[in-house]
PDB file of N, CA and C in Angstrom:
ATOM      1  N   MET A   1     -20.939 -12.491  64.324  1.00  0.00           N
ATOM      2  CA  MET A   1     -21.876 -13.336  63.356  1.00  0.00           C
ATOM      3  C   MET A   1     -21.914 -12.754  62.226  1.00  0.00           C
ATOM      4  N   ASN A   2     -21.801 -13.805  61.106  1.00  0.00           N
ATOM      5  CA  ASN A   2     -22.292 -13.888  59.760  1.00  0.00           C
ATOM      6  C   ASN A   2     -23.385 -13.309  59.505  1.00  0.00           C
ATOM      7  N   LYS A   3     -23.243 -12.345  58.541  1.00  0.00           N
ATOM      8  CA  LYS A   3     -24.617 -11.929  57.619  1.00  0.00           C
ATOM      9  C   LYS A   3     -25.343 -13.179  56.821  1.00  0.00           C
ATOM     10  N   PRO A   4     -26.328 -13.209  56.779  1.00  0.00           N
ATOM     11  CA  PRO A   4     -26.811 -14.163  55.622  1.00  0.00           C
ATOM     12  C   PRO A   4     -26.260 -13.325  54.172  1.00  0.00           C
ATOM     13  N   THR A   5     -26.380 -14.715  53.157  1.00  0.00           N
ATOM     14  CA  THR A   5     -25.950 -13.928  51.821  1.00  0.00           C
ATOM     15  C   THR A   5     -27.307 -13.722  51.260  1.00  0.00           C
ATOM     16  N   LYS A   6     -27.246 -12.847  50.369  1.00  0.00           N
ATOM     17  CA  LYS A   6     -28.247 -12.333  49.834  1.00  0.00           C
ATOM     18  C   LYS A   6     -28.424 -13.243  48.354  1.00  0.00           C
ATOM     19  N   ASN A   7     -29.809 -14.100  48.203  1.00  0.00           N
ATOM     20  CA  ASN A   7     -29.823 -14.682  47.218  1.00  0.00           C
ATOM     21  C   ASN A   7     -30.039 -13.827  45.768  1.00  0.00           C
ATOM     22  N   THR A   8     -29.138 -13.738  45.142  1.00  0.00           N
ATOM     23  CA  THR A   8     -29.375 -13.167  43.538  1.00  0.00           C
ATOM     24  C   THR A   8     -29.968 -13.789  42.612  1.00  0.00           C
ATOM     25  N   MET A   9     -30.835 -15.042  42.721  1.00  0.00           N
ATOM     26  CA  MET A   9     -31.385 -15.439  41.801  1.00  0.00           C
ATOM     27  C   MET A   9     -33.066 -15.704  42.696  1.00  0.00           C
ATOM     28  N   ASN A  10     -33.901 -14.776  43.249  1.00  0.00           N
ATOM     29  CA  ASN A  10     -35.030 -14.793  44.076  1.00  0.00           C
ATOM     30  C   ASN A  10     -36.213 -15.443  42.893  1.00  0.00           C
ATOM     31  N   THR A  11     -36.678 -16.726  43.293  1.00  0.00           N
ATOM     32  CA  THR A  11     -37.414 -17.521  42.644  1.00  0.00           C
ATOM     33  C   THR A  11     -38.919 -16.825  42.291  1.00  0.00           C
ATOM     34  N   ASN A  12     -39.207 -16.185  44.030  1.00  0.00           N
ATOM     35  CA  ASN A  12     -40.806 -15.310  44.066  1.00  0.00           C
ATOM     36  C   ASN A  12     -40.807 -14.239  43.214  1.00  0.00           C
ATOM     37  N   SER A  13     -39.578 -13.940  42.674  1.00  0.00           N
ATOM     38  CA  SER A  13     -39.425 -12.047  42.239  1.00  0.00           C
ATOM     39  C   SER A  13     -40.085 -12.094  40.850  1.00  0.00           C
ATOM     40  N   THR A  14     -40.620 -11.221  40.589  1.00  0.00           N
ATOM     41  CA  THR A  14     -40.666 -11.247  38.964  1.00  0.00           C
ATOM     42  C   THR A  14     -39.571 -10.305  38.235  1.00  0.00           C
ATOM     43  N   GLU A  15     -38.730  -9.619  39.013  1.00  0.00           N
ATOM     44  CA  GLU A  15     -37.788  -9.402  38.249  1.00  0.00           C
ATOM     45  C   GLU A  15     -36.612 -10.083  37.900  1.00  0.00           C
ATOM     46  N   ILE A  16     -36.068 -10.281  36.728  1.00  0.00           N
ATOM     47  CA  ILE A  16     -35.053 -11.012  36.227  1.00  0.00           C
ATOM     48  C   ILE A  16     -33.963 -10.359  35.884  1.00  0.00           C
ATOM     49  N   PRO A  17     -32.812 -10.879  36.419  1.00  0.00           N
ATOM     50  CA  PRO A  17     -31.556 -10.412  36.405  1.00  0.00           C
ATOM     51  C   PRO A  17     -31.134  -9.862  35.395  1.00  0.00           C
ATOM     52  N   GLU A  18     -30.211  -8.860  34.799  1.00  0.00           N
ATOM     53  CA  GLU A  18     -29.566  -8.698  33.391  1.00  0.00           C
ATOM     54  C   GLU A  18     -29.027  -9.749  32.807  1.00  0.00           C
ATOM     55  N   GLN A  19     -28.179 -10.721  33.672  1.00  0.00           N
ATOM     56  CA  GLN A  19     -27.532 -11.570  33.032  1.00  0.00           C
ATOM     57  C   GLN A  19     -28.305 -12.814  32.423  1.00  0.00           C
ATOM     58  N   GLU A  20     -29.509 -13.125  33.409  1.00  0.00           N
ATOM     59  CA  GLU A  20     -30.571 -13.952  32.954  1.00  0.00           C
ATOM     60  C   GLU A  20     -31.198 -13.807  31.913  1.00  0.00           C
ATOM     61  N   LYS A  21     -31.315 -12.430  31.692  1.00  0.00           N
ATOM     62  CA  LYS A  21     -32.249 -12.181  30.516  1.00  0.00           C
ATOM     63  C   LYS A  21     -31.170 -12.279  29.195  1.00  0.00           C
ATOM     64  N   LYS A  22     -29.907 -12.055  29.071  1.00  0.00           N
ATOM     65  CA  LYS A  22     -28.864 -12.237  28.188  1.00  0.00           C
ATOM     66  C   LYS A  22     -29.144 -13.490  28.074  1.00  0.00           C
ATOM     67  N   ARG A  23     -28.767 -14.547  28.844  1.00  0.00           N
ATOM     68  CA  ARG A  23     -28.743 -16.324  28.605  1.00  0.00           C
ATOM     69  C   ARG A  23     -29.832 -16.570  28.399  1.00  0.00           C
ATOM     70  N   LEU A  24     -31.259 -16.103  28.357  1.00  0.00           N
ATOM     71  CA  LEU A  24     -32.422 -16.638  27.674  1.00  0.00           C
ATOM     72  C   LEU A  24     -32.488 -15.837  26.470  1.00  0.00           C
ATOM     73  N   GLU A  25     -31.842 -15.081  26.357  1.00  0.00           N
ATOM     74  CA  GLU A  25     -31.846 -14.475  24.577  1.00  0.00           C
ATOM     75  C   GLU A  25     -31.174 -15.178  23.650  1.00  0.00           C
ATOM     76  N   ALA A  26     -29.586 -15.623  24.375  1.00  0.00           N
ATOM     77  CA  ALA A  26     -29.189 -16.468  23.568  1.00  0.00           C
ATOM     78  C   ALA A  26     -29.718 -17.775  23.388  1.00  0.00           C
ATOM     79  N   LEU A  27     -30.099 -18.351  24.537  1.00  0.00           N
ATOM     80  CA  LEU A  27     -30.847 -19.681  24.680  1.00  0.00           C
ATOM     81  C   LEU A  27     -31.921 -19.591  23.137  1.00  0.00           C
ATOM     82  N   ARG A  28     -32.615 -18.477  23.153  1.00  0.00           N
ATOM     83  CA  ARG A  28     -34.048 -18.387  21.890  1.00  0.00           C
ATOM     84  C   ARG A  28     -33.007 -18.283  20.939  1.00  0.00           C
ATOM     85  N   ARG A  29     -32.076 -17.600  20.820  1.00  0.00           N
ATOM     86  CA  ARG A  29     -31.382 -17.419  19.437  1.00  0.00           C
ATOM     87  C   ARG A  29     -30.813 -19.196  18.818  1.00  0.00           C
ATOM     88  N   TYR A  30     -30.484 -19.660  19.693  1.00  0.00           N
ATOM     89  CA  TYR A  30     -30.090 -21.159  19.023  1.00  0.00           C
ATOM     90  C   TYR A  30     -30.776 -21.823  18.292  1.00  0.00           C
ATOM     91  N   GLU A  31     -32.352 -21.589  18.652  1.00  0.00           N
ATOM     92  CA  GLU A  31     -33.141 -22.027  18.169  1.00  0.00           C
ATOM     93  C   GLU A  31     -33.301 -23.796  18.308  1.00  0.00           C
ATOM     94  N   ILE A  32     -32.765 -24.487  19.468  1.00  0.00           N
ATOM     95  CA  ILE A  32     -32.647 -25.426  19.894  1.00  0.00           C
ATOM     96  C   ILE A  32     -33.772 -26.059  20.674  1.00  0.00           C
ATOM     97  N   LEU A  33     -34.280 -25.420  21.425  1.00  0.00           N
ATOM     98  CA  LEU A  33     -35.588 -26.004  22.420  1.00  0.00           C
ATOM     99  C   LEU A  33     -36.561 -26.643  21.583  1.00  0.00           C
ATOM    100  N   ASP A  34     -36.990 -27.676  21.931  1.00  0.00           N
ATOM    101  CA  ASP A  34     -38.068 -28.451  21.595  1.00  0.00           C
ATOM    102  C   ASP A  34     -37.856 -28.946  20.016  1.00  0.00           C
ATOM    103  N   SER A  35     -36.309 -29.583  19.742  1.00  0.00           N
ATOM    104  CA  SER A  35     -36.005 -29.520  18.562  1.00  0.00           C
ATOM    105  C   SER A  35     -35.583 -31.170  18.491  1.00  0.00           C
ATOM    106  N   GLU A  36     -35.860 -31.690  17.457  1.00  0.00           N
ATOM    107  CA  GLU A  36     -35.636 -33.432  17.155  1.00  0.00           C
ATOM    108  C   GLU A  36     -34.349 -33.678  18.005  1.00  0.00           C
ATOM    109  N   SER A  37     -34.387 -34.859  18.126  1.00  0.00           N
ATOM    110  CA  SER A  37     -32.661 -35.190  18.776  1.00  0.00           C
ATOM    111  C   SER A  37     -31.840 -35.382  17.726  1.00  0.00           C
ATOM    112  N   GLU A  38     -30.742 -35.325  17.935  1.00  0.00           N
ATOM    113  CA  GLU A  38     -29.537 -35.100  16.958  1.00  0.00           C
ATOM    114  C   GLU A  38     -28.476 -36.205  17.515  1.00  0.00           C
ATOM    115  N   ARG A  39     -27.925 -37.004  16.748  1.00  0.00           N
ATOM    116  CA  ARG A  39     -26.901 -37.809  17.456  1.00  0.00           C
ATOM    117  C   ARG A  39     -25.624 -37.037  18.002  1.00  0.00           C
ATOM    118  N   ILE A  40     -25.432 -35.922  17.818  1.00  0.00           N
ATOM    119  CA  ILE A  40     -24.137 -35.526  18.248  1.00  0.00           C
ATOM    120  C   ILE A  40     -24.242 -35.289  19.770  1.00  0.00           C
ATOM    121  N   TYR A  41     -25.505 -34.747  20.290  1.00  0.00           N
ATOM    122  CA  TYR A  41     -25.962 -34.683  21.472  1.00  0.00           C
ATOM    123  C   TYR A  41     -26.442 -35.972  22.032  1.00  0.00           C
ATOM    124  N   ASP A  42     -27.082 -36.668  21.632  1.00  0.00           N
ATOM    125  CA  ASP A  42     -27.137 -38.415  21.878  1.00  0.00           C
ATOM    126  C   ASP A  42     -25.505 -38.776  22.411  1.00  0.00           C
ATOM    127  N   ASP A  43     -24.549 -38.627  21.360  1.00  0.00           N
ATOM    128  CA  ASP A  43     -23.271 -39.089  21.763  1.00  0.00           C
ATOM    129  C   ASP A  43     -22.561 -38.382  22.895  1.00  0.00           C
ATOM    130  N   LEU A  44     -22.635 -36.854  22.782  1.00  0.00           N
ATOM    131  CA  LEU A  44     -22.297 -36.305  24.017  1.00  0.00           C
ATOM    132  C   LEU A  44     -22.482 -36.586  25.461  1.00  0.00           C
ATOM    133  N   ALA A  45     -24.027 -37.062  25.772  1.00  0.00           N
ATOM    134  CA  ALA A  45     -24.547 -37.870  26.868  1.00  0.00           C
ATOM    135  C   ALA A  45     -24.110 -38.897  27.158  1.00  0.00           C
ATOM    136  N   LYS A  46     -24.029 -39.819  25.986  1.00  0.00           N
ATOM    137  CA  LYS A  46     -23.207 -41.026  26.154  1.00  0.00           C
ATOM    138  C   LYS A  46     -21.890 -40.672  26.595  1.00  0.00           C
ATOM    139  N   LEU A  47     -20.986 -39.770  26.208  1.00  0.00           N
ATOM    140  CA  LEU A  47     -19.474 -39.742  26.364  1.00  0.00           C
ATOM    141  C   LEU A  47     -19.791 -39.455  28.081  1.00  0.00           C
ATOM    142  N   ALA A  48     -20.461 -38.390  28.542  1.00  0.00           N
ATOM    143  CA  ALA A  48     -20.766 -37.959  29.773  1.00  0.00           C
ATOM    144  C   ALA A  48     -20.677 -38.698  31.125  1.00  0.00           C
ATOM    145  N   SER A  49     -21.493 -39.750  30.554  1.00  0.00           N
ATOM    146  CA  SER A  49     -21.886 -41.112  30.923  1.00  0.00           C
ATOM    147  C   SER A  49     -20.523 -41.814  31.580  1.00  0.00           C
ATOM    148  N   TYR A  50     -20.157 -41.972  30.500  1.00  0.00           N
ATOM    149  CA  TYR A  50     -18.834 -43.052  30.509  1.00  0.00           C
ATOM    150  C   TYR A  50     -17.725 -41.858  31.195  1.00  0.00           C
ATOM    151  N   ILE A  51     -17.491 -41.124  30.671  1.00  0.00           N
ATOM    152  CA  ILE A  51     -16.232 -40.105  31.770  1.00  0.00           C
ATOM    153  C   ILE A  51     -16.358 -40.079  33.171  1.00  0.00           C
ATOM    154  N   CYS A  52     -18.123 -39.781  33.173  1.00  0.00           N
ATOM    155  CA  CYS A  52     -18.397 -39.840  35.170  1.00  0.00           C
ATOM    156  C   CYS A  52     -18.669 -40.949  35.602  1.00  0.00           C
ATOM    157  N   SER A  53     -18.248 -42.235  34.894  1.00  0.00           N
ATOM    158  CA  SER A  53     -18.910 -43.846  35.582  1.00  0.00           C
ATOM    159  C   SER A  53     -20.303 -43.228  36.183  1.00  0.00           C
ATOM    160  N   MET A  54     -21.175 -42.745  35.418  1.00  0.00           N
ATOM    161  CA  MET A  54     -22.370 -43.126  35.516  1.00  0.00           C
ATOM    162  C   MET A  54     -23.643 -43.540  34.823  1.00  0.00           C
ATOM    163  N   PRO A  55     -24.702 -44.361  35.442  1.00  0.00           N
ATOM    164  CA  PRO A  55     -25.441 -44.857  34.476  1.00  0.00           C
ATOM    165  C   PRO A  55     -26.206 -43.878  33.697  1.00  0.00           C
ATOM    166  N   ILE A  56     -26.295 -42.887  34.087  1.00  0.00           N
ATOM    167  CA  ILE A  56     -27.441 -41.707  33.452  1.00  0.00           C
ATOM    168  C   ILE A  56     -26.579 -40.505  33.369  1.00  0.00           C
ATOM    169  N   SER A  57     -27.015 -40.146  31.973  1.00  0.00           N
ATOM    170  CA  SER A  57     -26.535 -38.306  31.633  1.00  0.00           C
ATOM    171  C   SER A  57     -27.412 -37.846  31.113  1.00  0.00           C
ATOM    172  N   LEU A  58     -27.567 -36.536  30.935  1.00  0.00           N
ATOM    173  CA  LEU A  58     -28.618 -35.547  30.262  1.00  0.00           C
ATOM    174  C   LEU A  58     -27.832 -34.734  29.845  1.00  0.00           C
ATOM    175  N   VAL A  59     -28.303 -34.151  28.879  1.00  0.00           N
ATOM    176  CA  VAL A  59     -27.976 -33.059  27.924  1.00  0.00           C
ATOM    177  C   VAL A  59     -29.302 -31.899  27.981  1.00  0.00           C
ATOM    178  N   SER A  60     -29.156 -31.000  29.445  1.00  0.00           N
ATOM    179  CA  SER A  60     -30.397 -30.268  29.421  1.00  0.00           C
ATOM    180  C   SER A  60     -29.908 -29.043  29.344  1.00  0.00           C
ATOM    181  N   LEU A  61     -31.039 -27.994  28.687  1.00  0.00           N
ATOM    182  CA  LEU A  61     -31.065 -26.581  28.695  1.00  0.00           C
ATOM    183  C   LEU A  61     -31.809 -26.128  29.661  1.00  0.00           C
ATOM    184  N   VAL A  62     -31.823 -24.673  29.986  1.00  0.00           N
ATOM    185  CA  VAL A  62     -32.744 -24.531  31.138  1.00  0.00           C
ATOM    186  C   VAL A  62     -33.478 -22.998  30.465  1.00  0.00           C
ATOM    187  N   ASP A  63     -34.754 -23.166  30.363  1.00  0.00           N
ATOM    188  CA  ASP A  63     -35.475 -22.105  29.558  1.00  0.00           C
ATOM    189  C   ASP A  63     -35.826 -21.051  30.934  1.00  0.00           C
ATOM    190  N   ALA A  64     -36.990 -20.237  30.486  1.00  0.00           N
ATOM    191  CA  ALA A  64     -37.290 -19.322  31.679  1.00  0.00           C
ATOM    192  C   ALA A  64     -38.363 -20.082  32.670  1.00  0.00           C
ATOM    193  N   ASP A  65     -38.553 -20.962  31.912  1.00  0.00           N
ATOM    194  CA  ASP A  65     -39.710 -21.789  32.381  1.00  0.00           C
ATOM    195  C   ASP A  65     -40.103 -23.147  32.937  1.00  0.00           C
ATOM    196  N   ARG A  66     -38.649 -23.826  32.379  1.00  0.00           N
ATOM    197  CA  ARG A  66     -38.651 -25.383  32.691  1.00  0.00           C
ATOM    198  C   ARG A  66     -37.030 -25.623  32.159  1.00  0.00           C
ATOM    199  N   GLN A  67     -36.997 -27.015  32.543  1.00  0.00           N
ATOM    200  CA  GLN A  67     -35.545 -27.529  32.082  1.00  0.00           C
ATOM    201  C   GLN A  67     -35.985 -28.329  31.131  1.00  0.00           C
ATOM    202  N   TRP A  68     -35.089 -28.406  30.030  1.00  0.00           N
ATOM    203  CA  TRP A  68     -35.598 -29.693  28.875  1.00  0.00           C
ATOM    204  C   TRP A  68     -34.420 -30.207  28.243  1.00  0.00           C
ATOM    205  N   SER A  69     -34.508 -31.315  28.193  1.00  0.00           N
ATOM    206  CA  SER A  69     -33.478 -32.322  27.933  1.00  0.00           C
ATOM    207  C   SER A  69     -33.425 -32.701  26.523  1.00  0.00           C
ATOM    208  N   LYS A  70     -32.136 -32.030  26.185  1.00  0.00           N
ATOM    209  CA  LYS A  70     -32.127 -32.207  24.354  1.00  0.00           C
ATOM    210  C   LYS A  70     -31.591 -33.744  24.092  1.00  0.00           C
ATOM    211  N   ALA A  71     -30.828 -34.352  25.116  1.00  0.00           N
ATOM    212  CA  ALA A  71     -30.324 -35.755  25.176  1.00  0.00           C
ATOM    213  C   ALA A  71     -30.210 -36.535  26.158  1.00  0.00           C
ATOM    214  N   HIS A  72     -30.314 -37.799  26.180  1.00  0.00           N
ATOM    215  CA  HIS A  72     -30.307 -38.488  27.819  1.00  0.00           C
ATOM    216  C   HIS A  72     -29.655 -39.824  27.323  1.00  0.00           C
ATOM    217  N   TYR A  73     -29.087 -40.167  28.291  1.00  0.00           N
ATOM    218  CA  TYR A  73     -28.459 -41.780  28.018  1.00  0.00           C
ATOM    219  C   TYR A  73     -28.777 -42.406  29.082  1.00  0.00           C
ATOM    220  N   GLY A  74     -29.121 -43.734  29.321  1.00  0.00           N
ATOM    221  CA  GLY A  74     -29.551 -44.198  30.299  1.00  0.00           C
ATOM    222  C   GLY A  74     -30.920 -44.531  30.801  1.00  0.00           C
ATOM    223  N   ILE A  75     -31.918 -43.503  30.190  1.00  0.00           N
ATOM    224  CA  ILE A  75     -33.182 -43.644  30.755  1.00  0.00           C
ATOM    225  C   ILE A  75     -33.650 -43.364  29.777  1.00  0.00           C
ATOM    226  N   PRO A  76     -35.220 -44.011  29.523  1.00  0.00           N
ATOM    227  CA  PRO A  76     -36.158 -43.669  28.433  1.00  0.00           C
ATOM    228  C   PRO A  76     -36.643 -42.431  28.154  1.00  0.00           C
ATOM    229  N   GLY A  77     -37.211 -42.244  27.341  1.00  0.00           N
ATOM    230  CA  GLY A  77     -38.038 -40.699  26.884  1.00  0.00           C
ATOM    231  C   GLY A  77     -36.946 -39.420  26.849  1.00  0.00           C
ATOM    232  N   GLY A  78     -37.238 -38.691  28.308  1.00  0.00           N
ATOM    233  CA  GLY A  78     -36.731 -37.628  28.091  1.00  0.00           C
ATOM    234  C   GLY A  78     -37.240 -36.500  28.481  1.00  0.00           C
ATOM    235  N   GLY A  79     -37.571 -35.214  27.302  1.00  0.00           N
ATOM    236  CA  GLY A  79     -38.489 -34.373  27.761  1.00  0.00           C
ATOM    237  C   GLY A  79     -38.102 -33.148  28.668  1.00  0.00           C
ATOM    238  N   GLY A  80     -38.787 -32.698  29.620  1.00  0.00           N
ATOM    239  CA  GLY A  80     -38.353 -31.468  30.352  1.00  0.00           C
ATOM    240  C   GLY A  80     -39.216 -31.476  31.725  1.00  0.00           C
ATOM    241  N   THR A  81     -38.616 -30.914  32.483  1.00  0.00           N
ATOM    242  CA  THR A  81     -39.365 -30.432  33.967  1.00  0.00           C
ATOM    243  C   THR A  81     -39.873 -28.986  33.969  1.00  0.00           C
ATOM    244  N   GLN A  82     -41.001 -28.761  34.557  1.00  0.00           N
ATOM    245  CA  GLN A  82     -41.043 -27.316  34.781  1.00  0.00           C
ATOM    246  C   GLN A  82     -39.924 -27.071  35.835  1.00  0.00           C
ATOM    247  N   ARG A  83     -39.650 -25.326  35.670  1.00  0.00           N
ATOM    248  CA  ARG A  83     -38.613 -25.033  36.269  1.00  0.00           C
ATOM    249  C   ARG A  83     -38.538 -24.886  37.875  1.00  0.00           C
ATOM    250  N   ASN A  84     -40.042 -24.975  38.127  1.00  0.00           N
ATOM    251  CA  ASN A  84     -40.521 -24.743  39.930  1.00  0.00           C
ATOM    252  C   ASN A  84     -40.678 -26.021  40.294  1.00  0.00           C
ATOM    253  N   CYS A  85     -40.398 -27.147  39.598  1.00  0.00           N
ATOM    254  CA  CYS A  85     -40.715 -28.500  40.225  1.00  0.00           C
ATOM    255  C   CYS A  85     -39.440 -28.625  41.181  1.00  0.00           C
ATOM    256  N   LEU A  86     -39.990 -29.721  42.530  1.00  0.00           N
ATOM    257  CA  LEU A  86     -38.954 -30.068  43.167  1.00  0.00           C
ATOM    258  C   LEU A  86     -37.731 -30.416  42.769  1.00  0.00           C
ATOM    259  N   LEU A  87     -38.000 -31.816  41.679  1.00  0.00           N
ATOM    260  CA  LEU A  87     -36.801 -32.057  41.485  1.00  0.00           C
ATOM    261  C   LEU A  87     -35.783 -31.428  40.742  1.00  0.00           C
ATOM    262  N   PHE A  88     -36.450 -30.473  40.098  1.00  0.00           N
ATOM    263  CA  PHE A  88     -35.317 -29.605  39.373  1.00  0.00           C
ATOM    264  C   PHE A  88     -34.536 -28.699  40.185  1.00  0.00           C
ATOM    265  N   THR A  89     -35.206 -28.248  41.063  1.00  0.00           N
ATOM    266  CA  THR A  89     -34.499 -27.126  42.002  1.00  0.00           C
ATOM    267  C   THR A  89     -33.265 -27.887  43.164  1.00  0.00           C
ATOM    268  N   CYS A  90     -33.611 -29.189  43.242  1.00  0.00           N
ATOM    269  CA  CYS A  90     -32.844 -30.150  44.325  1.00  0.00           C
ATOM    270  C   CYS A  90     -31.514 -30.328  43.443  1.00  0.00           C
ATOM    271  N   PHE A  91     -31.471 -30.196  42.208  1.00  0.00           N
ATOM    272  CA  PHE A  91     -30.494 -30.503  41.367  1.00  0.00           C
ATOM    273  C   PHE A  91     -29.618 -29.340  40.905  1.00  0.00           C
TER     274      PHE A  91
END
C-alpha cells in the first residue's frame, strides 16, 4: 500500500518554507504589487489568450495573503483574490 505524500505547503501551518520566503522577498523587490496597469502586461495577457485559444487570461502575482492580477484580457476589472479563497485554491 502506498503511503500518502506529505503536503509541503500546509496552508494551516504558520511555518513558511524557505523557498516561499525567497519567492516573496523577490516579489516585494520588484515593487509591482498594486501598481498601475502597463501596456506590456496587457499585451502579454492578450497574447496568452490568443496562444491558448481561450477567451480569458490573467497575469497574476501571488503574495503571502492574496493573488493579485496585474493584467487581464476578456474580463472587466481585475484586482485580486484572498489567497485562502475557494476560487484561488481550486485553480
